[in-house]
Protein backbone atom coordinates (compact mmCIF):
# COMPACT_ATOMS: atom_id res chain seq x y z
CA PHE A 1 -14.22 -18.69 15.59
CA ASP A 2 -17.53 -17.28 14.30
CA ASP A 3 -17.73 -20.10 11.74
CA ARG A 4 -17.31 -22.66 14.52
CA ALA A 5 -20.23 -21.13 16.42
CA LYS A 6 -22.32 -21.12 13.22
CA PHE A 7 -21.46 -24.79 12.70
CA VAL A 8 -22.94 -25.64 16.11
CA ASP A 9 -26.06 -23.52 15.49
CA LYS A 10 -26.56 -25.17 12.10
CA ASN A 11 -26.28 -28.65 13.58
CA MET A 12 -28.13 -28.07 16.85
CA ASP A 13 -30.74 -30.72 16.01
CA HIS A 14 -27.93 -33.26 15.59
CA VAL A 15 -26.33 -32.07 18.84
CA ARG A 16 -29.54 -32.60 20.82
CA ALA A 17 -30.21 -35.95 19.15
CA ALA A 18 -26.71 -37.14 20.06
CA VAL A 19 -27.30 -36.29 23.74
CA ALA A 20 -30.86 -37.64 23.91
CA ASP A 21 -30.05 -40.99 22.26
CA PRO A 22 -26.41 -41.45 21.22
CA PHE A 23 -27.07 -44.83 19.60
CA GLY A 24 -30.38 -43.90 18.00
CA ASN A 25 -31.04 -43.24 14.32
CA ASP A 26 -29.04 -39.98 14.21
CA LYS A 27 -25.38 -41.05 14.42
CA TRP A 28 -24.03 -37.68 13.27
CA TRP A 29 -21.60 -37.44 16.18
CA MET A 30 -19.89 -40.70 15.15
CA GLU A 31 -18.70 -39.04 11.94
CA LEU A 32 -16.76 -36.32 13.79
CA ASP A 33 -12.95 -36.40 13.83
CA ASP A 34 -12.97 -37.33 17.55
CA PRO A 35 -16.40 -38.88 18.15
CA LEU A 36 -16.20 -39.29 21.93
CA GLN A 37 -14.83 -35.79 22.45
CA GLY A 38 -17.57 -34.54 20.15
CA LEU A 39 -20.24 -36.35 22.14
CA SER A 40 -18.98 -34.96 25.45
CA THR A 41 -18.97 -31.46 23.94
CA CYS A 42 -22.55 -31.93 22.69
CA THR A 43 -23.56 -32.92 26.23
CA GLU A 44 -22.03 -29.76 27.71
CA ILE A 45 -23.62 -27.53 25.06
CA VAL A 46 -27.09 -28.91 25.72
CA LYS A 47 -26.66 -28.68 29.51
CA ALA A 48 -25.43 -25.08 29.25
CA ILE A 49 -28.35 -23.98 27.02
CA ASP A 50 -30.99 -25.84 29.04
CA SER A 51 -29.66 -24.34 32.29
CA GLY A 52 -31.31 -21.07 31.27
CA ASP A 53 -28.12 -19.14 32.02
CA PRO A 54 -25.31 -20.47 29.74
CA GLU A 55 -22.82 -17.79 30.85
CA SER A 56 -23.04 -18.92 34.47
CA TYR A 57 -23.15 -22.65 33.72
CA GLU A 58 -20.22 -24.52 35.31
CA CYS A 59 -18.73 -26.48 32.41
CA SER A 60 -16.89 -29.68 33.32
CA LEU A 61 -15.18 -29.95 29.93
CA PRO A 62 -11.52 -28.79 29.75
CA VAL A 63 -10.88 -26.46 26.81
CA HIS A 64 -7.57 -26.77 25.00
CA MET A 65 -5.80 -24.32 22.71
CA ASP A 66 -3.23 -25.72 20.28
CA GLY A 67 -0.30 -24.02 18.60
CA SER A 68 -0.35 -23.72 14.79
CA CYS A 69 2.55 -25.96 13.71
CA ASN A 70 4.32 -24.88 16.89
CA GLY A 71 7.88 -25.74 15.80
CA LEU A 72 7.59 -23.37 12.85
CA GLN A 73 6.12 -20.71 15.15
CA HIS A 74 9.29 -20.84 17.25
CA TYR A 75 11.55 -20.71 14.20
CA ALA A 76 9.62 -17.74 12.80
CA ALA A 77 9.96 -15.92 16.14
CA LEU A 78 13.68 -16.73 16.40
CA GLY A 79 14.43 -15.33 12.96
CA ARG A 80 11.72 -12.62 13.00
CA ASP A 81 10.57 -14.21 9.74
CA ARG A 82 7.42 -12.36 8.68
CA VAL A 83 6.55 -14.72 5.80
CA GLY A 84 6.83 -17.76 8.03
CA ALA A 85 5.02 -15.97 10.86
CA LYS A 86 2.02 -15.24 8.63
CA ALA A 87 1.80 -18.88 7.59
CA VAL A 88 1.65 -20.10 11.20
CA ASN A 89 -0.68 -17.45 12.65
CA LEU A 90 1.78 -15.23 14.50
CA CYS A 91 0.21 -12.24 12.72
CA GLN A 92 -3.31 -10.85 12.76
CA PHE A 93 -5.77 -12.36 10.27
CA ASP A 94 -9.57 -12.52 10.13
CA GLU A 95 -9.34 -16.25 9.40
CA PRO A 96 -6.82 -18.87 10.58
CA GLN A 97 -4.00 -19.64 8.17
CA ASP A 98 -3.43 -23.33 7.45
CA VAL A 99 0.24 -23.98 6.69
CA TYR A 100 -0.56 -27.53 5.59
CA ILE A 101 -3.03 -26.29 2.98
CA GLY A 102 -0.48 -23.76 1.71
CA VAL A 103 2.17 -26.43 1.24
CA MET A 104 -0.36 -28.87 -0.23
CA GLU A 105 -1.54 -26.39 -2.88
CA GLU A 106 1.99 -25.68 -4.09
CA VAL A 107 2.89 -29.39 -4.12
CA ILE A 108 -0.27 -30.18 -6.10
CA ARG A 109 0.58 -27.44 -8.61
CA ARG A 110 4.12 -28.74 -9.18
CA VAL A 111 3.07 -32.38 -9.45
CA ALA A 112 0.22 -31.57 -11.86
CA GLU A 113 2.59 -29.51 -14.00
CA GLU A 114 5.06 -32.40 -14.17
CA ALA A 115 2.31 -34.96 -14.84
CA ALA A 116 1.00 -32.87 -17.75
CA THR A 117 4.43 -32.80 -19.38
CA THR A 118 4.87 -35.12 -22.34
CA LEU A 119 8.43 -36.36 -22.69
CA THR A 120 9.90 -37.23 -26.08
CA ILE A 121 12.64 -39.41 -24.63
CA ASP A 122 13.01 -42.81 -26.31
CA ASP A 123 13.13 -45.29 -23.44
CA SER A 124 13.02 -48.47 -25.56
CA ASP A 125 16.64 -49.15 -24.58
CA PRO A 126 17.21 -47.96 -20.98
CA ASP A 127 20.95 -48.65 -21.24
CA LYS A 128 21.33 -45.86 -23.81
CA LEU A 129 19.70 -43.23 -21.61
CA THR A 130 21.80 -40.63 -19.83
CA LYS A 131 21.51 -40.15 -16.10
CA ALA A 132 19.59 -36.90 -16.63
CA GLU A 133 17.13 -38.58 -19.00
CA LYS A 134 16.53 -41.41 -16.54
CA GLU A 135 15.84 -38.90 -13.78
CA LYS A 136 13.36 -36.99 -15.98
CA LEU A 137 11.49 -40.19 -16.82
CA LYS A 138 11.46 -41.24 -13.19
CA CYS A 139 9.98 -37.91 -12.03
CA ASN A 140 7.42 -37.83 -14.83
CA ARG A 141 6.17 -41.35 -14.10
CA ALA A 142 6.08 -40.63 -10.39
CA ALA A 143 4.04 -37.45 -10.94
CA LYS A 144 1.54 -39.30 -13.14
CA LEU A 145 1.07 -41.97 -10.44
CA VAL A 146 0.45 -39.63 -7.50
CA ASN A 147 -1.31 -36.81 -9.37
CA GLY A 148 -4.84 -36.45 -8.03
CA HIS A 149 -4.05 -38.30 -4.80
CA ILE A 150 -2.48 -35.42 -2.86
CA ASP A 151 -4.44 -33.83 -0.05
CA ARG A 152 -3.75 -32.16 3.29
CA GLY A 153 -3.24 -35.49 5.04
CA VAL A 154 -0.53 -36.57 2.60
CA VAL A 155 1.77 -33.64 3.38
CA LYS A 156 0.76 -32.87 6.98
CA ARG A 157 3.13 -35.19 8.85
CA THR A 158 6.10 -34.18 6.71
CA VAL A 159 5.39 -30.47 7.21
CA MET A 160 4.85 -31.00 10.94
CA THR A 161 8.08 -32.96 11.43
CA SER A 162 10.25 -30.94 9.05
CA VAL A 163 11.31 -28.60 11.85
CA TYR A 164 12.14 -31.58 14.03
CA GLY A 165 14.73 -32.97 11.66
CA VAL A 166 12.73 -35.42 9.55
CA THR A 167 15.00 -37.04 6.97
CA PHE A 168 14.19 -37.72 3.33
CA ILE A 169 13.68 -41.40 4.17
CA GLY A 170 11.34 -40.52 7.03
CA ALA A 171 9.35 -38.13 4.83
CA ARG A 172 9.05 -40.75 2.10
CA LYS A 173 7.71 -43.32 4.56
CA GLN A 174 5.16 -40.86 5.95
CA ILE A 175 3.90 -39.98 2.48
CA GLN A 176 3.94 -43.59 1.26
CA GLU A 177 1.55 -44.68 4.03
CA LYS A 178 -1.04 -42.14 2.88
CA ILE A 179 -0.57 -42.75 -0.85
CA GLU A 180 -0.93 -46.53 -0.43
CA GLU A 181 -4.19 -45.97 1.47
CA LYS A 182 -5.55 -43.91 -1.41
CA LEU A 183 -4.42 -46.36 -4.11
CA GLU A 184 -5.90 -49.29 -2.18
CA GLY A 185 -9.14 -47.33 -1.93
CA GLN A 186 -9.20 -47.27 -5.73
CA GLY A 187 -8.90 -51.04 -5.83
CA LEU A 188 -5.24 -51.18 -6.89
CA ASP A 189 -2.96 -53.93 -5.58
CA VAL A 190 -0.16 -51.92 -3.99
CA ASP A 191 2.05 -55.01 -3.72
CA ASP A 192 2.11 -55.36 -7.52
CA ILE A 193 3.35 -51.80 -7.98
CA GLU A 194 5.41 -51.52 -4.80
CA HIS A 195 8.54 -50.36 -6.65
CA GLU A 196 6.63 -47.67 -8.56
CA ILE A 197 4.96 -46.43 -5.36
CA HIS A 198 8.28 -46.32 -3.53
CA SER A 199 9.83 -44.27 -6.32
CA ALA A 200 6.80 -41.96 -6.64
CA CYS A 201 6.70 -41.26 -2.91
CA GLY A 202 10.40 -40.44 -2.95
CA TYR A 203 9.68 -37.90 -5.70
CA LEU A 204 6.74 -36.49 -3.72
CA ALA A 205 8.84 -36.25 -0.54
CA SER A 206 11.48 -34.26 -2.46
CA VAL A 207 8.87 -31.87 -3.84
CA THR A 208 7.30 -31.38 -0.41
CA MET A 209 10.64 -30.67 1.27
CA ASP A 210 11.62 -28.27 -1.54
CA VAL A 211 8.36 -26.36 -1.08
CA MET A 212 8.93 -26.22 2.68
CA GLY A 213 12.45 -24.88 2.16
CA GLU A 214 11.18 -22.11 -0.11
CA LEU A 215 8.18 -21.12 2.01
CA PHE A 216 10.17 -21.08 5.25
CA GLN A 217 13.57 -19.75 4.21
CA GLY A 218 14.04 -18.06 7.57
CA ALA A 219 13.51 -21.33 9.43
CA ARG A 220 15.85 -23.14 7.06
CA GLN A 221 18.60 -20.54 7.59
CA THR A 222 18.29 -20.84 11.37
CA MET A 223 18.29 -24.65 11.20
CA ASN A 224 21.41 -24.60 9.03
CA TRP A 225 23.16 -22.21 11.43
CA LEU A 226 22.36 -24.42 14.42
CA ALA A 227 23.58 -27.52 12.56
CA THR A 228 26.80 -25.79 11.49
CA CYS A 229 27.57 -24.78 15.07
CA ALA A 230 26.82 -28.32 16.27
CA ARG A 231 29.22 -29.67 13.64
CA LEU A 232 32.01 -27.39 14.90
CA ILE A 233 31.47 -28.47 18.52
CA SER A 234 31.29 -32.19 17.69
CA SER A 235 34.50 -31.86 15.66
CA GLU A 236 36.18 -31.15 19.00
CA GLY A 237 34.92 -34.47 20.30
CA GLN A 238 32.45 -32.70 22.59
CA PRO A 239 28.68 -33.26 22.91
CA VAL A 240 26.52 -30.24 22.10
CA ALA A 241 25.35 -28.58 25.32
CA TRP A 242 23.38 -25.43 26.10
CA ILE A 243 21.26 -23.75 28.77
CA SER A 244 17.54 -23.44 27.99
CA PRO A 245 15.87 -20.03 28.42
CA ILE A 246 14.48 -21.09 31.81
CA GLY A 247 17.93 -22.16 33.03
CA VAL A 248 17.80 -25.92 32.49
CA PRO A 249 21.14 -27.34 31.27
CA ALA A 250 20.87 -29.72 28.32
CA VAL A 251 23.52 -32.11 26.98
CA GLN A 252 22.97 -34.33 23.96
CA PRO A 253 23.71 -37.93 24.97
CA TYR A 254 24.49 -39.38 21.52
CA ARG A 255 27.62 -41.53 21.60
CA LEU A 256 29.03 -44.42 19.60
CA LYS A 257 27.69 -47.32 21.63
CA LYS A 258 29.99 -50.31 21.85
CA PRO A 259 28.21 -53.70 21.80
CA PHE A 260 29.68 -56.78 23.47
CA THR A 261 28.60 -60.30 22.54
CA VAL A 262 28.50 -62.82 25.39
CA LEU A 263 28.26 -66.48 24.39
CA THR A 264 26.70 -68.92 26.86
CA LEU A 265 25.71 -72.57 26.60
CA ILE A 266 22.09 -71.56 26.16
CA GLN A 267 22.10 -68.35 24.15
CA THR A 268 23.96 -65.35 22.79
CA ILE A 269 23.50 -62.05 24.62
CA VAL A 270 24.50 -58.65 23.25
CA LEU A 271 25.33 -56.04 25.87
CA THR A 272 25.77 -52.36 25.09
CA ASN A 273 28.13 -50.03 26.89
CA ASN A 274 26.45 -46.63 27.39
CA SER A 275 29.34 -44.99 29.24
CA ASP A 276 29.88 -41.24 28.95
CA SER A 277 33.53 -42.00 28.22
CA LEU A 278 32.62 -43.36 24.77
CA PRO A 279 33.36 -41.16 21.74
CA ILE A 280 30.45 -39.00 20.59
CA HIS A 281 28.29 -39.86 17.58
CA ARG A 282 29.13 -36.82 15.46
CA GLN A 283 26.40 -37.22 12.87
CA ARG A 284 23.64 -37.60 15.44
CA GLN A 285 25.01 -34.68 17.44
CA VAL A 286 24.61 -32.50 14.34
CA THR A 287 21.24 -33.71 13.00
CA ALA A 288 19.55 -33.86 16.39
CA PHE A 289 20.55 -30.43 17.66
CA PRO A 290 18.18 -28.12 15.72
CA PRO A 291 15.03 -30.06 16.75
CA ASN A 292 16.32 -30.54 20.31
CA TYR A 293 17.03 -26.82 20.66
CA VAL A 294 13.54 -25.92 19.43
CA HIS A 295 12.06 -28.43 21.86
CA SER A 296 13.92 -26.64 24.65
CA LEU A 297 12.24 -23.41 23.49
CA ASP A 298 8.70 -24.77 23.26
CA SER A 299 9.07 -26.51 26.63
CA SER A 300 10.32 -23.22 28.11
CA HIS A 301 7.25 -21.44 26.75
CA MET A 302 5.00 -24.12 28.23
CA LEU A 303 6.63 -23.89 31.68
CA MET A 304 6.60 -20.08 31.65
CA THR A 305 2.86 -20.25 30.89
CA ALA A 306 2.31 -22.88 33.60
CA LEU A 307 4.13 -20.79 36.22
CA GLU A 308 2.12 -17.66 35.40
CA MET A 309 -1.15 -19.64 35.42
CA ASP A 310 -0.21 -21.04 38.83
CA ARG A 311 0.71 -17.57 40.10
CA ARG A 312 -2.78 -16.38 39.18
CA GLY A 313 -4.40 -19.42 40.80
CA LEU A 314 -5.69 -20.87 37.52
CA ALA A 315 -5.88 -24.55 36.60
CA PHE A 316 -3.53 -25.59 33.80
CA SER A 317 -2.50 -28.74 31.97
CA ALA A 318 -0.50 -29.21 28.79
CA VAL A 319 0.78 -31.75 26.32
CA HIS A 320 3.57 -30.24 24.19
CA ASP A 321 1.84 -27.33 22.41
CA SER A 322 -1.70 -28.09 23.60
CA PHE A 323 -2.60 -25.93 26.61
CA TRP A 324 -5.70 -26.76 28.69
CA THR A 325 -7.79 -24.95 31.27
CA HIS A 326 -11.42 -24.46 32.33
CA ALA A 327 -13.81 -22.78 29.89
CA CYS A 328 -14.18 -19.70 32.10
CA ASP A 329 -10.40 -19.14 32.09
CA VAL A 330 -9.61 -19.67 28.40
CA ASP A 331 -9.47 -15.95 27.58
CA GLU A 332 -7.03 -15.31 30.41
CA MET A 333 -4.89 -18.31 29.41
CA ASN A 334 -4.76 -16.96 25.85
CA GLU A 335 -3.53 -13.65 27.19
CA ILE A 336 -0.89 -15.35 29.34
CA LEU A 337 0.50 -17.64 26.66
CA ARG A 338 0.94 -14.63 24.36
CA GLU A 339 2.65 -12.58 27.06
CA THR A 340 5.05 -15.40 27.93
CA PHE A 341 5.83 -16.02 24.25
CA ILE A 342 6.74 -12.35 23.81
CA ASP A 343 8.80 -12.41 27.02
CA LEU A 344 10.67 -15.45 25.71
CA TYR A 345 11.51 -13.91 22.33
CA ASP A 346 12.27 -10.45 23.62
CA ARG A 347 15.56 -12.03 24.64
CA PRO A 348 18.40 -12.36 22.08
CA LEU A 349 18.32 -16.16 22.35
CA LEU A 350 20.67 -16.99 19.47
CA GLU A 351 23.16 -14.35 20.60
CA GLU A 352 23.10 -15.81 24.12
CA LEU A 353 23.62 -19.29 22.70
CA LYS A 354 26.55 -18.22 20.53
CA ARG A 355 28.15 -16.24 23.36
CA SER A 356 28.01 -19.25 25.71
CA TRP A 357 29.75 -21.43 23.11
CA GLU A 358 32.40 -18.81 22.38
CA LEU A 359 33.27 -18.74 26.07
CA ARG A 360 33.40 -22.52 26.28
CA TYR A 361 35.24 -23.10 22.98
CA PRO A 362 37.50 -20.04 22.50
CA THR A 363 39.48 -21.69 19.69
CA LEU A 364 36.40 -22.22 17.50
CA GLU A 365 35.11 -19.55 15.14
CA PHE A 366 31.34 -19.76 14.98
CA PRO A 367 29.51 -18.35 11.93
CA ASP A 368 27.47 -15.16 12.11
CA ILE A 369 23.85 -15.49 13.16
CA PRO A 370 21.49 -15.34 10.12
CA LYS A 371 20.07 -11.91 9.40
CA ARG A 372 16.68 -11.41 11.03
CA GLY A 373 13.51 -10.31 9.30
CA ASP A 374 11.24 -7.40 10.22
CA LEU A 375 8.62 -9.22 12.28
CA ASP A 376 7.55 -7.35 15.41
CA ILE A 377 7.06 -10.10 17.98
CA ASN A 378 4.44 -7.95 19.76
CA GLU A 379 2.09 -8.64 16.84
CA VAL A 380 1.38 -11.95 18.55
CA LYS A 381 -0.84 -10.05 21.01
CA LYS A 382 -3.30 -9.28 18.21
CA ALA A 383 -3.03 -12.68 16.45
CA PRO A 384 -6.34 -14.41 17.29
CA TYR A 385 -5.28 -17.79 15.89
CA PHE A 386 -1.78 -18.00 17.41
CA PHE A 387 -3.16 -20.79 19.61
CA GLN A 388 -6.62 -22.00 18.64
């Protein structure tokens, strides 16, 4: 936070120039990540300083605090995973931890190591190569193509969506968009090497997901447990259902939709039957449950925060894990969102979930809940960058 204040002090001339003449010679504000938000912030800063009493100035700009890869924060809290918690700012640090940078650095290291490897495999006759040799060549060529093109933006979307059930295909598409942008920026014709890019991005997606699995073992164990339980329930022909921590019942709607084709003299129309009497879609019931369950947790946290803000008579707005209020109330909102997060995870949520299923499906034997780590959830109170 101190560095952010220093950034403003260092660029105060630019800030004032942006307010005095936004379309003048100094277009510094246009280079910001969100130019219009930046310009509105510059306006409020100048007005507050020029008021002569910045602390009493009534700011009209809403201030928002965002979770640090919020899905992973909830997984770390569920499993009391200290390693994961440190990576997503649930613990106290002098500086914010950037999970995307951590993943990026490890991915870069692995790709560079592979790209530097010289293979002695004779590929003059591909038909004579074994499957293992073909795979080694494929990975080596992929690493050489993407080496030097990996940055935070390349891995960010995959890291962010990993806890929400992103598939290998989805991760590859996310990464390919960024890699193609970089290769086009170097003047390469991506259409000419489309096959090579597709293969390289598949390799990079695998590396990224492997790194995520190793860095967040606690989250992976919890995700696997949730998926295993969902598989048992769907094997009974039942949709996965649960009660969220704030008492909202949730039922996954995924069923095998049955299309009907109606032929007319003019056209062909396909109608889909969405009846609840249709058999469930087992695969979707399984893959969708871990992210849906975590969404029920983060939405519970948001509503618990909203209710407490309302009880105290404070303005509040939110979009997913971005919580907004007036500048004068930010400190109190930060206190509230920490208190509600602790209240949420003081409960044995996974035990409650398992117990509800055991009552509903007495013939099923659900696996044991993964062993928890040693994270003290109360550490969130002292974590300055939990939401930032």
